[in-house]
Amino acid sequence: MIDKSAKVEELAKFLEGTCATIHGAVEFLELDPDIDWEDEMLTYGMEECKGCGWWSESGELIHEDEENTGYCDQCIE
């Protein structure tokens, strides 16, 4: 049996720096579609910018307040 954490890392590496959708990435990597992969990415520390949709590490996104949270540097301006 393949370790789930290895699959989470594989998905995170696949998504980082792209604007790919979770659904498309899960399908491409042939991962279990019944797992909440978006939640797994948040737990891993990978988020999609709410402005442009590009995936990056959570720490790279701006989390100031409830209104301006989860945006990259370019989108917050």
C-alpha atoms as a PDB file:
ATOM      1  CA  MET A   1       0.000   0.000   0.000  1.00  0.00           C
ATOM      2  CA  ILE A   2       1.297   3.464  -0.935  1.00  0.00           C
ATOM      3  CA  ASP A   3       1.718   5.966   1.886  1.00  0.00           C
ATOM      4  CA  LYS A   4      -0.910   8.743   1.723  1.00  0.00           C
ATOM      5  CA  SER A   5       1.620  11.362   2.848  1.00  0.00           C
ATOM      6  CA  ALA A   6       3.726  10.524  -0.211  1.00  0.00           C
ATOM      7  CA  LYS A   7       0.692  11.141  -2.432  1.00  0.00           C
ATOM      8  CA  VAL A   8      -0.020  14.455  -0.657  1.00  0.00           C
ATOM      9  CA  GLU A   9       3.566  15.542  -1.282  1.00  0.00           C
ATOM     10  CA  GLU A  10       3.370  14.410  -4.909  1.00  0.00           C
ATOM     11  CA  LEU A  11       0.212  16.467  -5.447  1.00  0.00           C
ATOM     12  CA  ALA A  12       1.705  19.520  -3.709  1.00  0.00           C
ATOM     13  CA  LYS A  13       4.811  19.385  -5.891  1.00  0.00           C
ATOM     14  CA  PHE A  14       2.660  18.976  -8.989  1.00  0.00           C
ATOM     15  CA  LEU A  15       0.474  21.987  -8.122  1.00  0.00           C
ATOM     16  CA  GLU A  16       3.126  24.417  -6.853  1.00  0.00           C
ATOM     17  CA  GLY A  17       3.666  27.274  -9.291  1.00  0.00           C
ATOM     18  CA  THR A  18       0.748  26.297 -11.520  1.00  0.00           C
ATOM     19  CA  CYS A  19      -2.885  27.289 -11.851  1.00  0.00           C
ATOM     20  CA  ALA A  20      -3.982  23.673 -12.310  1.00  0.00           C
ATOM     21  CA  THR A  21      -7.236  22.588 -10.703  1.00  0.00           C
ATOM     22  CA  ILE A  22      -7.306  20.051  -7.901  1.00  0.00           C
ATOM     23  CA  HIS A  23      -9.677  17.885  -9.942  1.00  0.00           C
ATOM     24  CA  GLY A  24      -7.393  17.922 -12.989  1.00  0.00           C
ATOM     25  CA  ALA A  25      -4.269  17.216 -10.950  1.00  0.00           C
ATOM     26  CA  VAL A  26      -5.939  14.363  -9.042  1.00  0.00           C
ATOM     27  CA  GLU A  27      -7.101  12.847 -12.312  1.00  0.00           C
ATOM     28  CA  PHE A  28      -3.688  13.269 -13.974  1.00  0.00           C
ATOM     29  CA  LEU A  29      -1.837  11.728 -11.018  1.00  0.00           C
ATOM     30  CA  GLU A  30      -4.476   8.982 -10.718  1.00  0.00           C
ATOM     31  CA  LEU A  31      -5.173   9.754  -7.052  1.00  0.00           C
ATOM     32  CA  ASP A  32      -8.255   8.686  -5.105  1.00  0.00           C
ATOM     33  CA  PRO A  33     -10.983  11.213  -6.051  1.00  0.00           C
ATOM     34  CA  ASP A  34     -12.896  10.511  -2.824  1.00  0.00           C
ATOM     35  CA  ILE A  35     -10.212  12.170  -0.663  1.00  0.00           C
ATOM     36  CA  ASP A  36     -10.618  15.891   0.129  1.00  0.00           C
ATOM     37  CA  TRP A  37      -7.359  16.882  -1.579  1.00  0.00           C
ATOM     38  CA  GLU A  38      -7.950  20.607  -1.132  1.00  0.00           C
ATOM     39  CA  ASP A  39      -8.035  20.062   2.630  1.00  0.00           C
ATOM     40  CA  GLU A  40      -4.928  17.901   2.357  1.00  0.00           C
ATOM     41  CA  MET A  41      -3.157  20.741   0.526  1.00  0.00           C
ATOM     42  CA  LEU A  42      -4.092  23.214   3.272  1.00  0.00           C
ATOM     43  CA  THR A  43      -2.766  20.804   5.897  1.00  0.00           C
ATOM     44  CA  TYR A  44       0.423  20.398   3.853  1.00  0.00           C
ATOM     45  CA  GLY A  45       0.801  24.192   3.609  1.00  0.00           C
ATOM     46  CA  MET A  46      -0.088  24.696  -0.042  1.00  0.00           C
ATOM     47  CA  GLU A  47      -2.816  27.133  -1.080  1.00  0.00           C
ATOM     48  CA  GLU A  48      -4.349  28.556  -4.198  1.00  0.00           C
ATOM     49  CA  CYS A  49      -4.279  32.365  -4.484  1.00  0.00           C
ATOM     50  CA  LYS A  50      -7.847  33.611  -4.294  1.00  0.00           C
ATOM     51  CA  GLY A  51      -7.073  36.191  -6.979  1.00  0.00           C
ATOM     52  CA  CYS A  52      -5.153  34.489  -9.766  1.00  0.00           C
ATOM     53  CA  GLY A  53      -5.546  30.817  -8.834  1.00  0.00           C
ATOM     54  CA  TRP A  54      -1.808  30.014  -8.763  1.00  0.00           C
ATOM     55  CA  TRP A  55      -0.690  27.496  -6.153  1.00  0.00           C
ATOM     56  CA  SER A  56       2.059  28.404  -3.694  1.00  0.00           C
ATOM     57  CA  GLU A  57       3.140  27.762  -0.151  1.00  0.00           C
ATOM     58  CA  SER A  58       0.690  29.214   2.368  1.00  0.00           C
ATOM     59  CA  GLY A  59       3.427  31.375   3.882  1.00  0.00           C
ATOM     60  CA  GLU A  60       3.904  33.163   0.560  1.00  0.00           C
ATOM     61  CA  LEU A  61       0.308  34.385   0.506  1.00  0.00           C
ATOM     62  CA  ILE A  62      -0.854  37.459   2.370  1.00  0.00           C
ATOM     63  CA  HIS A  63      -3.126  36.780   5.319  1.00  0.00           C
ATOM     64  CA  GLU A  64      -3.913  40.217   6.762  1.00  0.00           C
ATOM     65  CA  ASP A  65      -7.573  40.111   7.640  1.00  0.00           C
ATOM     66  CA  GLU A  66     -10.730  38.314   6.609  1.00  0.00           C
ATOM     67  CA  GLU A  67     -11.175  40.533   3.560  1.00  0.00           C
ATOM     68  CA  ASN A  68      -7.622  40.325   2.187  1.00  0.00           C
ATOM     69  CA  THR A  69      -6.596  36.785   2.963  1.00  0.00           C
ATOM     70  CA  GLY A  70      -5.002  34.216   0.713  1.00  0.00           C
ATOM     71  CA  TYR A  71      -3.730  36.532  -2.022  1.00  0.00           C
ATOM     72  CA  CYS A  72      -0.288  36.620  -3.644  1.00  0.00           C
ATOM     73  CA  ASP A  73       1.769  39.826  -3.779  1.00  0.00           C
ATOM     74  CA  GLN A  74       0.614  40.655  -7.296  1.00  0.00           C
ATOM     75  CA  CYS A  75      -3.093  40.220  -6.589  1.00  0.00           C
ATOM     76  CA  ILE A  76      -3.147  42.132  -3.301  1.00  0.00           C
ATOM     77  CA  GLU A  77      -1.994  45.318  -5.054  1.00  0.00           C
END
